[in-house]
Protein backbone atom coordinates (compact mmCIF):
# COMPACT_ATOMS: atom_id res chain seq x y z
CA MET A 1 -31.98 77.05 -125.30
CA GLN A 2 -32.57 80.50 -123.83
CA ARG A 3 -35.18 82.61 -125.59
CA ASN A 4 -34.28 86.22 -126.33
CA ALA A 5 -36.19 89.43 -126.98
CA ILE A 6 -35.50 92.94 -128.23
CA VAL A 7 -37.41 95.79 -126.54
CA SER A 8 -37.33 99.30 -127.99
CA GLY A 9 -37.96 102.10 -125.52
CA GLY A 10 -36.86 99.67 -122.83
CA ALA A 11 -35.27 102.11 -120.39
CA LYS A 12 -38.35 103.49 -118.66
CA GLY A 13 -42.11 103.31 -118.38
CA ILE A 14 -43.94 100.45 -120.05
CA GLY A 15 -40.80 99.39 -121.93
CA ALA A 16 -38.86 98.96 -118.67
CA GLY A 17 -41.76 96.97 -117.25
CA VAL A 18 -41.67 94.66 -120.27
CA VAL A 19 -37.90 94.24 -119.91
CA GLU A 20 -38.23 93.39 -116.21
CA ARG A 21 -40.98 90.85 -116.88
CA LEU A 22 -39.06 89.14 -119.69
CA LEU A 23 -35.96 88.91 -117.47
CA ALA A 24 -38.06 87.50 -114.61
CA ASP A 25 -39.40 84.90 -117.04
CA GLY A 26 -35.83 83.77 -117.80
CA MET A 27 -35.36 85.41 -121.18
CA GLY A 28 -32.33 87.28 -122.45
CA VAL A 29 -33.17 90.87 -123.39
CA ILE A 30 -31.62 93.54 -125.55
CA ALA A 31 -33.14 96.86 -124.44
CA ILE A 32 -32.80 99.77 -126.86
CA ASP A 33 -33.29 103.38 -125.77
CA THR A 34 -31.91 106.86 -126.38
CA ASP A 35 -31.49 107.44 -122.62
CA ALA A 36 -28.15 106.01 -121.51
CA THR A 37 -28.68 106.95 -117.86
CA GLU A 38 -31.97 105.05 -117.58
CA LEU A 39 -30.47 102.04 -119.40
CA GLY A 40 -27.75 102.08 -116.76
CA HIS A 41 -30.39 101.85 -114.04
CA LEU A 42 -31.78 98.71 -115.71
CA ALA A 43 -28.32 97.18 -115.60
CA ASP A 44 -28.47 97.50 -111.82
CA SER A 45 -31.09 94.72 -111.75
CA PRO A 46 -30.40 92.18 -109.01
CA GLY A 47 -28.29 89.07 -109.51
CA ASP A 48 -28.83 86.89 -112.55
CA LEU A 49 -31.23 89.32 -114.20
CA SER A 50 -28.57 91.83 -115.21
CA SER A 51 -26.41 89.06 -116.69
CA ARG A 52 -29.13 88.41 -119.29
CA LEU A 53 -29.62 92.11 -120.15
CA THR A 54 -27.82 94.02 -122.88
CA GLY A 55 -28.48 97.74 -123.17
CA VAL A 56 -28.05 99.51 -126.50
CA VAL A 57 -28.11 103.31 -126.60
CA GLY A 58 -29.52 104.45 -129.90
CA ASP A 59 -32.45 105.37 -132.09
CA VAL A 60 -34.29 102.44 -133.69
CA ALA A 61 -34.76 104.57 -136.82
CA THR A 62 -31.04 104.37 -137.64
CA ALA A 63 -29.08 101.61 -139.31
CA ALA A 64 -26.18 102.14 -136.90
CA THR A 65 -28.36 101.20 -133.92
CA TRP A 66 -29.51 98.01 -135.62
CA GLY A 67 -25.91 97.17 -136.46
CA THR A 68 -25.13 97.40 -132.76
CA VAL A 69 -28.17 95.27 -131.89
CA VAL A 70 -27.16 92.57 -134.36
CA ALA A 71 -23.60 92.59 -133.01
CA ALA A 72 -24.96 92.20 -129.45
CA SER A 73 -27.38 89.41 -130.37
CA PRO A 74 -26.56 85.85 -129.37
CA ARG A 75 -25.47 83.56 -132.17
CA HIS A 76 -27.62 80.51 -132.89
CA SER A 77 -26.40 77.30 -134.45
CA ARG A 78 -29.74 76.55 -136.05
CA PRO A 79 -31.26 78.52 -138.93
CA ALA A 80 -34.04 80.98 -138.20
CA PRO A 81 -37.53 79.74 -139.12
């Protein structure tokens, strides 16, 4: 089963570095940021990496952003611990 992560501030700087590392380690990543342009640059990652990346434009302080994150999250058949 693929492991997944959510990274806030994932479009640039340290957040983008974390996203890139998690993708390189084989994880699926939902990157949240207010900067749509920079999130688009992440989506240009080579090959298989971009297929495991979902970018969400939004502010983590809002319920609407988290609704989008939940909708983008993979569904699991087993209950969460």
